[in-house]
Amino acid sequence: ADFIRVTDGNIFFTYFHNLISEDRWRNLLYLCCRNQDKLKCRFTESMQNNKECSILVNQVLDPLYSGKLEINPYNIYATCDQNLVVDKMSRTITVRRNPLLTVDSMSQEIQKQMKEIKDYARSSNMTVGFGPPCVRTDFLTTYLNRPDVKRAIHVSSSSFKWFPCSPTLKYKRDTPTTAPEYAILLAGQIPRIYLYNGDVDSTCSYQGEEFFVESLNRKTVGPRRTWMYLDPTVNTQQVGGFVQSYGVLKLISVKGSGHFVPQSKP
């Protein structure tokens, strides 16, 4: 919903989920949060004119989002699948890293590894594609590149290959926030808007989403509460997460879920 707010929340997430040390957290607060409320620190704002803060934030987030930490950033309690898939049948290599990170923002070591992979691909007449870290997409890649599937979904060129994150399409973020769109929706006649996050997702953390909703200046309606669901394995009501009402807008967390909520907790 808001790249800047979510990034701020993700930094808090790394600390509250024991992904960084106490010393590193203290350094973050010292370098990035001077003259700020430490519990509402805007790390990304400090990064704009504080090089030391910017370097430290990148040192915290890059290893997680690049896959170097070998923790699944989309669900930190799930397994981290292999970071490199070589599919000789389709002559492709899929490298697991965050497609939102530019090469310039990665460490020199990761850049070196990327160069070695590209050199290997070039020598083997293979194509390098980028995919999300710790998430296996080779099954989907094989399926979508089958000739019969291409025909079924009307892909006109037989030479076109599908990748999880295309190496040819250039993605550009030109809108850092969807706050104006939410303002339009909230001013309309929509009866309910559910904004939900898995609570073990470090890429779009619940904390960051909460910062975003607070930036909309909506008043809370009632206290934050649990929401329940019927667990058929034990035939009892169980806590599914938490919900905070802002009138029409409901901010919801899904307990134990990662980034892909319908997949993690259907």
C-alpha atoms as a PDB file:
ATOM      1  CA  ALA A   1       0.000   0.000   0.000  1.00  0.00           C
ATOM      2  CA  ASP A   2       2.913   2.340   0.747  1.00  0.00           C
ATOM      3  CA  PHE A   3       6.472   1.351  -0.137  1.00  0.00           C
ATOM      4  CA  ILE A   4       8.065   3.752   2.353  1.00  0.00           C
ATOM      5  CA  ARG A   5       5.802   2.904   5.305  1.00  0.00           C
ATOM      6  CA  VAL A   6       6.077  -0.822   4.620  1.00  0.00           C
ATOM      7  CA  THR A   7       9.864  -0.611   4.474  1.00  0.00           C
ATOM      8  CA  ASP A   8       9.908   1.155   7.842  1.00  0.00           C
ATOM      9  CA  GLY A   9       7.700  -1.582   9.256  1.00  0.00           C
ATOM     10  CA  ASN A  10       9.899  -4.301   7.778  1.00  0.00           C
ATOM     11  CA  ILE A  11      12.902  -2.938   9.671  1.00  0.00           C
ATOM     12  CA  PHE A  12      10.967  -3.189  12.932  1.00  0.00           C
ATOM     13  CA  PHE A  13       9.940  -6.706  11.878  1.00  0.00           C
ATOM     14  CA  THR A  14      13.575  -7.843  11.615  1.00  0.00           C
ATOM     15  CA  TYR A  15      14.237  -6.791  15.195  1.00  0.00           C
ATOM     16  CA  PHE A  16      11.014  -8.060  16.771  1.00  0.00           C
ATOM     17  CA  HIS A  17      11.506 -11.443  15.068  1.00  0.00           C
ATOM     18  CA  ASN A  18      15.120 -11.873  16.168  1.00  0.00           C
ATOM     19  CA  LEU A  19      16.596 -11.508  12.683  1.00  0.00           C
ATOM     20  CA  ILE A  20      19.143  -8.888  13.764  1.00  0.00           C
ATOM     21  CA  SER A  21      21.227  -8.495  16.912  1.00  0.00           C
ATOM     22  CA  GLU A  22      20.532  -6.136  19.789  1.00  0.00           C
ATOM     23  CA  ASP A  23      23.719  -4.212  18.966  1.00  0.00           C
ATOM     24  CA  ARG A  24      22.625  -3.679  15.371  1.00  0.00           C
ATOM     25  CA  TRP A  25      19.189  -2.520  16.505  1.00  0.00           C
ATOM     26  CA  ARG A  26      20.723  -0.009  18.914  1.00  0.00           C
ATOM     27  CA  ASN A  27      22.933   1.290  16.094  1.00  0.00           C
ATOM     28  CA  LEU A  28      19.885   1.652  13.845  1.00  0.00           C
ATOM     29  CA  LEU A  29      18.059   3.679  16.484  1.00  0.00           C
ATOM     30  CA  TYR A  30      21.123   5.815  17.133  1.00  0.00           C
ATOM     31  CA  LEU A  31      21.936   6.556  13.490  1.00  0.00           C
ATOM     32  CA  CYS A  32      18.412   6.750  12.021  1.00  0.00           C
ATOM     33  CA  CYS A  33      16.043   7.788  14.804  1.00  0.00           C
ATOM     34  CA  ARG A  34      17.539  10.825  16.488  1.00  0.00           C
ATOM     35  CA  ASN A  35      14.868  13.311  17.581  1.00  0.00           C
ATOM     36  CA  GLN A  36      12.164  10.798  16.651  1.00  0.00           C
ATOM     37  CA  ASP A  37       9.762   8.566  18.534  1.00  0.00           C
ATOM     38  CA  LYS A  38      11.771   5.315  18.583  1.00  0.00           C
ATOM     39  CA  LEU A  39       8.605   3.221  18.201  1.00  0.00           C
ATOM     40  CA  LYS A  40       7.519   5.195  15.116  1.00  0.00           C
ATOM     41  CA  CYS A  41      10.934   5.765  13.582  1.00  0.00           C
ATOM     42  CA  ARG A  42      10.927   6.716   9.892  1.00  0.00           C
ATOM     43  CA  PHE A  43      14.104   4.955   8.830  1.00  0.00           C
ATOM     44  CA  THR A  44      13.504   5.661   5.145  1.00  0.00           C
ATOM     45  CA  GLU A  45      13.296   9.413   5.730  1.00  0.00           C
ATOM     46  CA  SER A  46      16.599   9.371   7.605  1.00  0.00           C
ATOM     47  CA  MET A  47      18.207   7.410   4.774  1.00  0.00           C
ATOM     48  CA  GLN A  48      17.692  10.340   2.381  1.00  0.00           C
ATOM     49  CA  ASN A  49      20.278  12.570   4.059  1.00  0.00           C
ATOM     50  CA  ASN A  50      22.142  10.211   6.370  1.00  0.00           C
ATOM     51  CA  LYS A  51      24.611   7.973   4.563  1.00  0.00           C
ATOM     52  CA  GLU A  52      25.503   5.965   7.683  1.00  0.00           C
ATOM     53  CA  CYS A  53      21.827   5.217   8.309  1.00  0.00           C
ATOM     54  CA  SER A  54      21.332   4.222   4.655  1.00  0.00           C
ATOM     55  CA  ILE A  55      24.303   1.835   4.716  1.00  0.00           C
ATOM     56  CA  LEU A  56      23.122   0.181   7.932  1.00  0.00           C
ATOM     57  CA  VAL A  57      19.536  -0.253   6.720  1.00  0.00           C
ATOM     58  CA  ASN A  58      20.824  -1.921   3.539  1.00  0.00           C
ATOM     59  CA  GLN A  59      23.040  -4.195   5.641  1.00  0.00           C
ATOM     60  CA  VAL A  60      19.937  -5.256   7.570  1.00  0.00           C
ATOM     61  CA  LEU A  61      17.539  -5.788   4.655  1.00  0.00           C
ATOM     62  CA  ASP A  62      19.752  -6.891   1.743  1.00  0.00           C
ATOM     63  CA  PRO A  63      20.810 -10.281   3.210  1.00  0.00           C
ATOM     64  CA  LEU A  64      17.178 -11.155   3.930  1.00  0.00           C
ATOM     65  CA  TYR A  65      15.710 -10.029   0.612  1.00  0.00           C
ATOM     66  CA  SER A  66      18.545 -11.340  -1.547  1.00  0.00           C
ATOM     67  CA  GLY A  67      18.358 -14.844  -0.065  1.00  0.00           C
ATOM     68  CA  LYS A  68      21.888 -14.656   1.340  1.00  0.00           C
ATOM     69  CA  LEU A  69      20.541 -15.090   4.872  1.00  0.00           C
ATOM     70  CA  GLU A  70      18.849 -18.325   3.709  1.00  0.00           C
ATOM     71  CA  ILE A  71      15.652 -17.420   5.514  1.00  0.00           C
ATOM     72  CA  ASN A  72      12.459 -17.263   3.475  1.00  0.00           C
ATOM     73  CA  PRO A  73      11.528 -13.551   3.548  1.00  0.00           C
ATOM     74  CA  TYR A  74       7.936 -14.312   2.521  1.00  0.00           C
ATOM     75  CA  ASN A  75       7.451 -16.609   5.515  1.00  0.00           C
ATOM     76  CA  ILE A  76      10.336 -16.573   7.972  1.00  0.00           C
ATOM     77  CA  TYR A  77       9.187 -19.843   9.594  1.00  0.00           C
ATOM     78  CA  ALA A  78       8.888 -21.728   6.311  1.00  0.00           C
ATOM     79  CA  THR A  79      11.723 -23.580   4.599  1.00  0.00           C
ATOM     80  CA  CYS A  80      14.094 -21.800   2.239  1.00  0.00           C
ATOM     81  CA  ASP A  81      14.181 -23.675  -1.036  1.00  0.00           C
ATOM     82  CA  GLN A  82      17.277 -23.743  -3.200  1.00  0.00           C
ATOM     83  CA  ASN A  83      18.512 -20.382  -4.402  1.00  0.00           C
ATOM     84  CA  LEU A  84      19.515 -21.546  -7.857  1.00  0.00           C
ATOM     85  CA  VAL A  85      17.605 -23.726 -10.302  1.00  0.00           C
ATOM     86  CA  VAL A  86      19.259 -24.914 -13.513  1.00  0.00           C
ATOM     87  CA  ASP A  87      16.719 -26.313 -15.972  1.00  0.00           C
ATOM     88  CA  LYS A  88      18.727 -27.801 -18.845  1.00  0.00           C
ATOM     89  CA  MET A  89      15.587 -28.887 -20.683  1.00  0.00           C
ATOM     90  CA  SER A  90      14.368 -25.303 -21.145  1.00  0.00           C
ATOM     91  CA  ARG A  91      17.943 -23.977 -21.091  1.00  0.00           C
ATOM     92  CA  THR A  92      17.234 -21.493 -18.307  1.00  0.00           C
ATOM     93  CA  ILE A  93      18.741 -20.566 -14.982  1.00  0.00           C
ATOM     94  CA  THR A  94      16.530 -19.039 -12.313  1.00  0.00           C
ATOM     95  CA  VAL A  95      18.343 -17.089  -9.616  1.00  0.00           C
ATOM     96  CA  ARG A  96      16.506 -16.438  -6.382  1.00  0.00           C
ATOM     97  CA  ARG A  97      16.786 -12.845  -5.302  1.00  0.00           C
ATOM     98  CA  ASN A  98      14.466  -9.959  -4.608  1.00  0.00           C
ATOM     99  CA  PRO A  99      13.537  -8.486  -8.002  1.00  0.00           C
ATOM    100  CA  LEU A 100      12.907  -5.100  -6.345  1.00  0.00           C
ATOM    101  CA  LEU A 101      16.598  -4.744  -5.490  1.00  0.00           C
ATOM    102  CA  THR A 102      18.901  -3.285  -8.099  1.00  0.00           C
ATOM    103  CA  VAL A 103      22.348  -4.738  -8.639  1.00  0.00           C
ATOM    104  CA  ASP A 104      23.813  -1.504  -7.266  1.00  0.00           C
ATOM    105  CA  SER A 105      22.118  -2.065  -3.913  1.00  0.00           C
ATOM    106  CA  MET A 106      23.523  -5.557  -3.471  1.00  0.00           C
ATOM    107  CA  SER A 107      26.762  -6.359  -1.728  1.00  0.00           C
ATOM    108  CA  GLN A 108      29.947  -6.894  -3.723  1.00  0.00           C
ATOM    109  CA  GLU A 109      29.884 -10.575  -2.841  1.00  0.00           C
ATOM    110  CA  ILE A 110      26.404 -11.044  -4.299  1.00  0.00           C
ATOM    111  CA  GLN A 111      27.392  -9.081  -7.396  1.00  0.00           C
ATOM    112  CA  LYS A 112      30.367 -11.412  -7.829  1.00  0.00           C
ATOM    113  CA  GLN A 113      28.114 -14.465  -7.553  1.00  0.00           C
ATOM    114  CA  MET A 114      25.714 -12.982 -10.094  1.00  0.00           C
ATOM    115  CA  LYS A 115      28.578 -12.386 -12.540  1.00  0.00           C
ATOM    116  CA  GLU A 116      29.732 -15.998 -12.172  1.00  0.00           C
ATOM    117  CA  ILE A 117      26.193 -17.241 -12.844  1.00  0.00           C
ATOM    118  CA  LYS A 118      25.802 -15.010 -15.897  1.00  0.00           C
ATOM    119  CA  ASP A 119      29.192 -16.137 -17.246  1.00  0.00           C
ATOM    120  CA  TYR A 120      28.162 -19.783 -16.792  1.00  0.00           C
ATOM    121  CA  ALA A 121      24.841 -19.143 -18.525  1.00  0.00           C
ATOM    122  CA  ARG A 122      26.557 -17.416 -21.444  1.00  0.00           C
ATOM    123  CA  SER A 123      29.044 -20.246 -21.901  1.00  0.00           C
ATOM    124  CA  SER A 124      26.220 -22.806 -21.811  1.00  0.00           C
ATOM    125  CA  ASN A 125      23.907 -20.833 -24.117  1.00  0.00           C
ATOM    126  CA  MET A 126      21.325 -20.482 -21.356  1.00  0.00           C
ATOM    127  CA  THR A 127      19.143 -17.604 -20.211  1.00  0.00           C
ATOM    128  CA  VAL A 128      19.248 -16.088 -16.725  1.00  0.00           C
ATOM    129  CA  GLY A 129      15.935 -15.245 -15.094  1.00  0.00           C
ATOM    130  CA  PHE A 130      15.356 -13.795 -11.629  1.00  0.00           C
ATOM    131  CA  GLY A 131      12.946 -15.185  -9.070  1.00  0.00           C
ATOM    132  CA  PRO A 132      11.974 -14.507  -5.470  1.00  0.00           C
ATOM    133  CA  PRO A 133      14.442 -15.803  -2.855  1.00  0.00           C
ATOM    134  CA  CYS A 134      13.719 -19.142  -1.169  1.00  0.00           C
ATOM    135  CA  VAL A 135      10.612 -19.793  -3.277  1.00  0.00           C
ATOM    136  CA  ARG A 136      10.593 -22.614  -5.819  1.00  0.00           C
ATOM    137  CA  THR A 137       9.109 -21.546  -9.120  1.00  0.00           C
ATOM    138  CA  ASP A 138      10.690 -24.148 -11.392  1.00  0.00           C
ATOM    139  CA  PHE A 139       7.476 -26.206 -11.546  1.00  0.00           C
ATOM    140  CA  LEU A 140       5.480 -23.172 -12.650  1.00  0.00           C
ATOM    141  CA  THR A 141       8.229 -22.151 -15.079  1.00  0.00           C
ATOM    142  CA  THR A 142       8.207 -25.602 -16.708  1.00  0.00           C
ATOM    143  CA  TYR A 143       4.406 -25.625 -16.896  1.00  0.00           C
ATOM    144  CA  LEU A 144       4.003 -22.157 -18.420  1.00  0.00           C
ATOM    145  CA  ASN A 145       6.713 -22.828 -20.996  1.00  0.00           C
ATOM    146  CA  ARG A 146       5.025 -25.973 -22.333  1.00  0.00           C
ATOM    147  CA  PRO A 147       3.930 -25.513 -25.969  1.00  0.00           C
ATOM    148  CA  ASP A 148       0.369 -26.679 -25.265  1.00  0.00           C
ATOM    149  CA  VAL A 149       0.011 -24.256 -22.341  1.00  0.00           C
ATOM    150  CA  LYS A 150       1.375 -21.397 -24.455  1.00  0.00           C
ATOM    151  CA  ARG A 151      -1.206 -22.160 -27.117  1.00  0.00           C
ATOM    152  CA  ALA A 152      -3.979 -22.318 -24.530  1.00  0.00           C
ATOM    153  CA  ILE A 153      -3.140 -18.884 -23.115  1.00  0.00           C
ATOM    154  CA  HIS A 154      -2.580 -17.400 -26.582  1.00  0.00           C
ATOM    155  CA  VAL A 155       1.147 -16.735 -26.434  1.00  0.00           C
ATOM    156  CA  SER A 156       1.897 -15.900 -30.041  1.00  0.00           C
ATOM    157  CA  SER A 157       5.668 -16.392 -30.095  1.00  0.00           C
ATOM    158  CA  SER A 158       7.031 -19.887 -29.552  1.00  0.00           C
ATOM    159  CA  SER A 159      10.430 -18.404 -28.683  1.00  0.00           C
ATOM    160  CA  PHE A 160       9.051 -16.378 -25.769  1.00  0.00           C
ATOM    161  CA  LYS A 161       9.997 -17.874 -22.380  1.00  0.00           C
ATOM    162  CA  TRP A 162       8.196 -17.186 -19.118  1.00  0.00           C
ATOM    163  CA  PHE A 163      10.187 -16.308 -15.984  1.00  0.00           C
ATOM    164  CA  PRO A 164       8.975 -15.574 -12.439  1.00  0.00           C
ATOM    165  CA  CYS A 165      10.567 -12.135 -12.765  1.00  0.00           C
ATOM    166  CA  SER A 166      11.294 -11.302 -16.386  1.00  0.00           C
ATOM    167  CA  PRO A 167      14.899 -10.484 -17.305  1.00  0.00           C
ATOM    168  CA  THR A 168      13.665  -8.379 -20.250  1.00  0.00           C
ATOM    169  CA  LEU A 169      10.722  -6.405 -18.865  1.00  0.00           C
ATOM    170  CA  LYS A 170      11.892  -3.294 -17.021  1.00  0.00           C
ATOM    171  CA  TYR A 171       9.856  -2.696 -13.885  1.00  0.00           C
ATOM    172  CA  LYS A 172       9.686   0.871 -12.642  1.00  0.00           C
ATOM    173  CA  ARG A 173       7.928   2.044  -9.498  1.00  0.00           C
ATOM    174  CA  ASP A 174       6.427   5.451 -10.220  1.00  0.00           C
ATOM    175  CA  THR A 175       3.899   5.529  -7.358  1.00  0.00           C
ATOM    176  CA  PRO A 176       5.353   5.026  -3.861  1.00  0.00           C
ATOM    177  CA  THR A 177       1.952   4.985  -2.172  1.00  0.00           C
ATOM    178  CA  THR A 178      -1.663   4.079  -2.895  1.00  0.00           C
ATOM    179  CA  ALA A 179      -2.966   6.534  -0.283  1.00  0.00           C
ATOM    180  CA  PRO A 180      -4.778   8.676  -2.928  1.00  0.00           C
ATOM    181  CA  GLU A 181      -6.564   5.582  -4.252  1.00  0.00           C
ATOM    182  CA  TYR A 182      -7.601   4.597  -0.734  1.00  0.00           C
ATOM    183  CA  ALA A 183      -8.941   8.123  -0.162  1.00  0.00           C
ATOM    184  CA  ILE A 184     -11.173   7.712  -3.219  1.00  0.00           C
ATOM    185  CA  LEU A 185     -12.375   4.287  -2.072  1.00  0.00           C
ATOM    186  CA  LEU A 186     -13.066   5.479   1.468  1.00  0.00           C
ATOM    187  CA  ALA A 187     -15.032   8.452   0.160  1.00  0.00           C
ATOM    188  CA  GLY A 188     -17.245   6.176  -1.919  1.00  0.00           C
ATOM    189  CA  GLN A 189     -20.084   3.841  -1.034  1.00  0.00           C
ATOM    190  CA  ILE A 190     -18.000   0.682  -0.517  1.00  0.00           C
ATOM    191  CA  PRO A 191     -19.367  -1.035   2.615  1.00  0.00           C
ATOM    192  CA  ARG A 192     -16.126  -2.767   3.679  1.00  0.00           C
ATOM    193  CA  ILE A 193     -12.444  -2.737   2.793  1.00  0.00           C
ATOM    194  CA  TYR A 194     -10.277  -5.533   4.203  1.00  0.00           C
ATOM    195  CA  LEU A 195      -6.537  -4.908   4.301  1.00  0.00           C
ATOM    196  CA  TYR A 196      -4.780  -8.048   5.500  1.00  0.00           C
ATOM    197  CA  ASN A 197      -1.247  -9.351   6.038  1.00  0.00           C
ATOM    198  CA  GLY A 198       0.340 -12.579   7.186  1.00  0.00           C
ATOM    199  CA  ASP A 199       2.117 -11.907  10.458  1.00  0.00           C
ATOM    200  CA  VAL A 200       5.321 -13.786   9.528  1.00  0.00           C
ATOM    201  CA  ASP A 201       5.845 -11.999   6.199  1.00  0.00           C
ATOM    202  CA  SER A 202       8.939  -9.787   6.299  1.00  0.00           C
ATOM    203  CA  THR A 203       8.448  -8.270   2.820  1.00  0.00           C
ATOM    204  CA  CYS A 204       5.052  -6.628   3.412  1.00  0.00           C
ATOM    205  CA  SER A 205       4.906  -6.733   7.170  1.00  0.00           C
ATOM    206  CA  TYR A 206       1.835  -6.107   9.274  1.00  0.00           C
ATOM    207  CA  GLN A 207       3.765  -3.382  11.100  1.00  0.00           C
ATOM    208  CA  GLY A 208       4.343  -1.512   7.842  1.00  0.00           C
ATOM    209  CA  GLU A 209       0.705  -1.851   6.835  1.00  0.00           C
ATOM    210  CA  GLU A 210      -0.314  -0.457  10.222  1.00  0.00           C
ATOM    211  CA  PHE A 211       1.955   2.556   9.657  1.00  0.00           C
ATOM    212  CA  PHE A 212       0.270   3.064   6.290  1.00  0.00           C
ATOM    213  CA  VAL A 213      -3.258   2.962   7.716  1.00  0.00           C
ATOM    214  CA  GLU A 214      -2.250   5.402  10.454  1.00  0.00           C
ATOM    215  CA  SER A 215      -1.015   7.774   7.731  1.00  0.00           C
ATOM    216  CA  LEU A 216      -4.572   7.863   6.320  1.00  0.00           C
ATOM    217  CA  ASN A 217      -5.691   9.647   9.502  1.00  0.00           C
ATOM    218  CA  ARG A 218      -8.617   7.320  10.125  1.00  0.00           C
ATOM    219  CA  LYS A 219     -10.004   7.040  13.632  1.00  0.00           C
ATOM    220  CA  THR A 220     -10.111   3.615  15.238  1.00  0.00           C
ATOM    221  CA  VAL A 221     -13.525   2.172  16.014  1.00  0.00           C
ATOM    222  CA  GLY A 222     -13.379  -0.002  19.118  1.00  0.00           C
ATOM    223  CA  PRO A 223     -10.381  -1.884  20.498  1.00  0.00           C
ATOM    224  CA  ARG A 224      -8.123  -4.229  18.580  1.00  0.00           C
ATOM    225  CA  ARG A 225      -9.524  -7.740  18.932  1.00  0.00           C
ATOM    226  CA  THR A 226      -8.951 -11.322  17.877  1.00  0.00           C
ATOM    227  CA  TRP A 227     -10.913 -12.923  15.077  1.00  0.00           C
ATOM    228  CA  MET A 228     -11.824 -16.597  15.231  1.00  0.00           C
ATOM    229  CA  TYR A 229     -12.280 -19.507  12.850  1.00  0.00           C
ATOM    230  CA  LEU A 230     -13.458 -23.083  13.230  1.00  0.00           C
ATOM    231  CA  ASP A 231     -10.569 -25.558  13.126  1.00  0.00           C
ATOM    232  CA  PRO A 232     -12.060 -28.814  11.765  1.00  0.00           C
ATOM    233  CA  THR A 233      -9.139 -30.893  13.093  1.00  0.00           C
ATOM    234  CA  VAL A 234     -10.136 -30.180  16.697  1.00  0.00           C
ATOM    235  CA  ASN A 235     -13.696 -28.914  16.057  1.00  0.00           C
ATOM    236  CA  THR A 236     -13.157 -25.782  18.164  1.00  0.00           C
ATOM    237  CA  GLN A 237     -12.831 -22.061  17.571  1.00  0.00           C
ATOM    238  CA  GLN A 238      -9.239 -20.904  17.225  1.00  0.00           C
ATOM    239  CA  VAL A 239      -7.622 -17.476  16.983  1.00  0.00           C
ATOM    240  CA  GLY A 240      -6.988 -16.616  13.346  1.00  0.00           C
ATOM    241  CA  GLY A 241      -5.299 -13.288  14.006  1.00  0.00           C
ATOM    242  CA  PHE A 242      -6.203  -9.758  15.000  1.00  0.00           C
ATOM    243  CA  VAL A 243      -8.428  -7.062  13.529  1.00  0.00           C
ATOM    244  CA  GLN A 244      -8.517  -3.326  14.097  1.00  0.00           C
ATOM    245  CA  SER A 245     -11.506  -1.470  12.749  1.00  0.00           C
ATOM    246  CA  TYR A 246     -11.249   1.983  11.206  1.00  0.00           C
ATOM    247  CA  GLY A 247     -14.895   2.074  10.266  1.00  0.00           C
ATOM    248  CA  VAL A 248     -15.242   0.878   6.700  1.00  0.00           C
ATOM    249  CA  LEU A 249     -11.567  -0.102   6.633  1.00  0.00           C
ATOM    250  CA  LYS A 250     -10.501  -3.190   8.586  1.00  0.00           C
ATOM    251  CA  LEU A 251      -6.812  -3.922   9.209  1.00  0.00           C
ATOM    252  CA  ILE A 252      -6.374  -7.664   9.694  1.00  0.00           C
ATOM    253  CA  SER A 253      -3.461  -9.915  10.576  1.00  0.00           C
ATOM    254  CA  VAL A 254      -3.477 -13.621   9.745  1.00  0.00           C
ATOM    255  CA  LYS A 255      -1.717 -15.677  12.410  1.00  0.00           C
ATOM    256  CA  GLY A 256       1.093 -17.877  11.168  1.00  0.00           C
ATOM    257  CA  SER A 257       0.689 -16.847   7.548  1.00  0.00           C
ATOM    258  CA  GLY A 258       3.349 -15.623   5.166  1.00  0.00           C
ATOM    259  CA  HIS A 259       3.085 -13.306   2.175  1.00  0.00           C
ATOM    260  CA  PHE A 260       0.810 -15.621   0.186  1.00  0.00           C
ATOM    261  CA  VAL A 261      -2.111 -15.798   2.615  1.00  0.00           C
ATOM    262  CA  PRO A 262      -4.456 -17.927   0.432  1.00  0.00           C
ATOM    263  CA  GLN A 263      -1.620 -20.443   0.049  1.00  0.00           C
ATOM    264  CA  SER A 264      -0.370 -20.375   3.654  1.00  0.00           C
ATOM    265  CA  LYS A 265      -3.701 -20.232   5.482  1.00  0.00           C
ATOM    266  CA  PRO A 266      -6.540 -20.998   3.045  1.00  0.00           C
END
